[in-house]
Amino acid sequence: MDNDITKKFQEQEEKLEKIYQSVEKTRKYFLWMLIASVLLIVLPLVGLLFAIPQFLSTYSNIGI
């Protein structure tokens, strides 16, 4: 009886370890996706906040 319980606990421990490894891989994937999103979306938008006023002032000065 004790041997069966011990075996079940070992099986559960192995399954939990596999689940933990899978969760860590998923967490790292989401972290890199967040970093990529910031680099590819947010940074260009911030750049446009500075570029658009400069272009508008350039175009408004051409007509004068």
C-alpha atoms as a PDB file:
ATOM      1  CA  MET A   1       0.000   0.000   0.000  1.00  0.00           C
ATOM      2  CA  ASP A   2       2.754   2.459   0.915  1.00  0.00           C
ATOM      3  CA  ASN A   3       4.641   1.481  -2.181  1.00  0.00           C
ATOM      4  CA  ASP A   4       1.656   2.416  -4.382  1.00  0.00           C
ATOM      5  CA  ILE A   5       1.290   5.790  -2.683  1.00  0.00           C
ATOM      6  CA  THR A   6       4.983   6.503  -3.079  1.00  0.00           C
ATOM      7  CA  LYS A   7       4.791   5.561  -6.747  1.00  0.00           C
ATOM      8  CA  LYS A   8       1.803   7.867  -7.275  1.00  0.00           C
ATOM      9  CA  PHE A   9       3.640  10.743  -5.590  1.00  0.00           C
ATOM     10  CA  GLN A  10       6.653  10.219  -7.819  1.00  0.00           C
ATOM     11  CA  GLU A  11       4.462  10.196 -10.911  1.00  0.00           C
ATOM     12  CA  GLN A  12       2.769  13.406  -9.787  1.00  0.00           C
ATOM     13  CA  GLU A  13       6.139  15.011  -9.116  1.00  0.00           C
ATOM     14  CA  GLU A  14       7.346  14.110 -12.612  1.00  0.00           C
ATOM     15  CA  LYS A  15       4.175  15.525 -14.161  1.00  0.00           C
ATOM     16  CA  LEU A  16       4.457  18.712 -12.118  1.00  0.00           C
ATOM     17  CA  GLU A  17       8.055  19.150 -13.266  1.00  0.00           C
ATOM     18  CA  LYS A  18       6.985  18.812 -16.907  1.00  0.00           C
ATOM     19  CA  ILE A  19       4.188  21.323 -16.355  1.00  0.00           C
ATOM     20  CA  TYR A  20       6.633  23.738 -14.711  1.00  0.00           C
ATOM     21  CA  GLN A  21       9.029  23.478 -17.656  1.00  0.00           C
ATOM     22  CA  SER A  22       6.195  24.098 -20.094  1.00  0.00           C
ATOM     23  CA  VAL A  23       4.997  27.119 -18.142  1.00  0.00           C
ATOM     24  CA  GLU A  24       8.508  28.580 -18.060  1.00  0.00           C
ATOM     25  CA  LYS A  25       8.846  28.196 -21.834  1.00  0.00           C
ATOM     26  CA  THR A  26       5.489  29.906 -22.297  1.00  0.00           C
ATOM     27  CA  ARG A  27       6.469  32.724 -19.943  1.00  0.00           C
ATOM     28  CA  LYS A  28       9.695  33.349 -21.850  1.00  0.00           C
ATOM     29  CA  TYR A  29       7.782  33.303 -25.145  1.00  0.00           C
ATOM     30  CA  PHE A  30       5.345  35.940 -23.886  1.00  0.00           C
ATOM     31  CA  LEU A  31       8.207  38.053 -22.542  1.00  0.00           C
ATOM     32  CA  TRP A  32       9.920  38.085 -25.937  1.00  0.00           C
ATOM     33  CA  MET A  33       6.624  38.848 -27.665  1.00  0.00           C
ATOM     34  CA  LEU A  34       6.161  41.828 -25.341  1.00  0.00           C
ATOM     35  CA  ILE A  35       9.667  43.067 -26.092  1.00  0.00           C
ATOM     36  CA  ALA A  36       9.100  42.646 -29.833  1.00  0.00           C
ATOM     37  CA  SER A  37       5.790  44.503 -29.601  1.00  0.00           C
ATOM     38  CA  VAL A  38       7.428  47.410 -27.837  1.00  0.00           C
ATOM     39  CA  LEU A  39      10.251  47.568 -30.361  1.00  0.00           C
ATOM     40  CA  LEU A  40       8.080  47.244 -33.448  1.00  0.00           C
ATOM     41  CA  ILE A  41       5.016  49.268 -32.426  1.00  0.00           C
ATOM     42  CA  VAL A  42       5.566  51.604 -29.498  1.00  0.00           C
ATOM     43  CA  LEU A  43       9.009  52.970 -30.403  1.00  0.00           C
ATOM     44  CA  PRO A  44       8.016  53.962 -33.960  1.00  0.00           C
ATOM     45  CA  LEU A  45       4.914  55.703 -32.591  1.00  0.00           C
ATOM     46  CA  VAL A  46       7.056  57.683 -30.172  1.00  0.00           C
ATOM     47  CA  GLY A  47       9.358  58.572 -33.053  1.00  0.00           C
ATOM     48  CA  LEU A  48       6.394  59.797 -35.080  1.00  0.00           C
ATOM     49  CA  LEU A  49       5.400  62.104 -32.237  1.00  0.00           C
ATOM     50  CA  PHE A  50       8.658  63.950 -32.844  1.00  0.00           C
ATOM     51  CA  ALA A  51       8.835  63.554 -36.635  1.00  0.00           C
ATOM     52  CA  ILE A  52       5.332  64.745 -37.579  1.00  0.00           C
ATOM     53  CA  PRO A  53       5.653  68.233 -36.037  1.00  0.00           C
ATOM     54  CA  GLN A  54       9.033  68.675 -37.739  1.00  0.00           C
ATOM     55  CA  PHE A  55       7.586  67.716 -41.150  1.00  0.00           C
ATOM     56  CA  LEU A  56       4.601  70.003 -40.639  1.00  0.00           C
ATOM     57  CA  SER A  57       6.834  72.935 -39.788  1.00  0.00           C
ATOM     58  CA  THR A  58       8.970  72.213 -42.856  1.00  0.00           C
ATOM     59  CA  TYR A  59       5.942  72.168 -45.157  1.00  0.00           C
ATOM     60  CA  SER A  60       4.472  75.313 -43.616  1.00  0.00           C
ATOM     61  CA  ASN A  61       7.765  77.178 -44.138  1.00  0.00           C
ATOM     62  CA  ILE A  62       7.943  76.244 -47.844  1.00  0.00           C
ATOM     63  CA  GLY A  63       4.867  78.287 -48.688  1.00  0.00           C
ATOM     64  CA  ILE A  64       6.256  81.468 -47.136  1.00  0.00           C
END
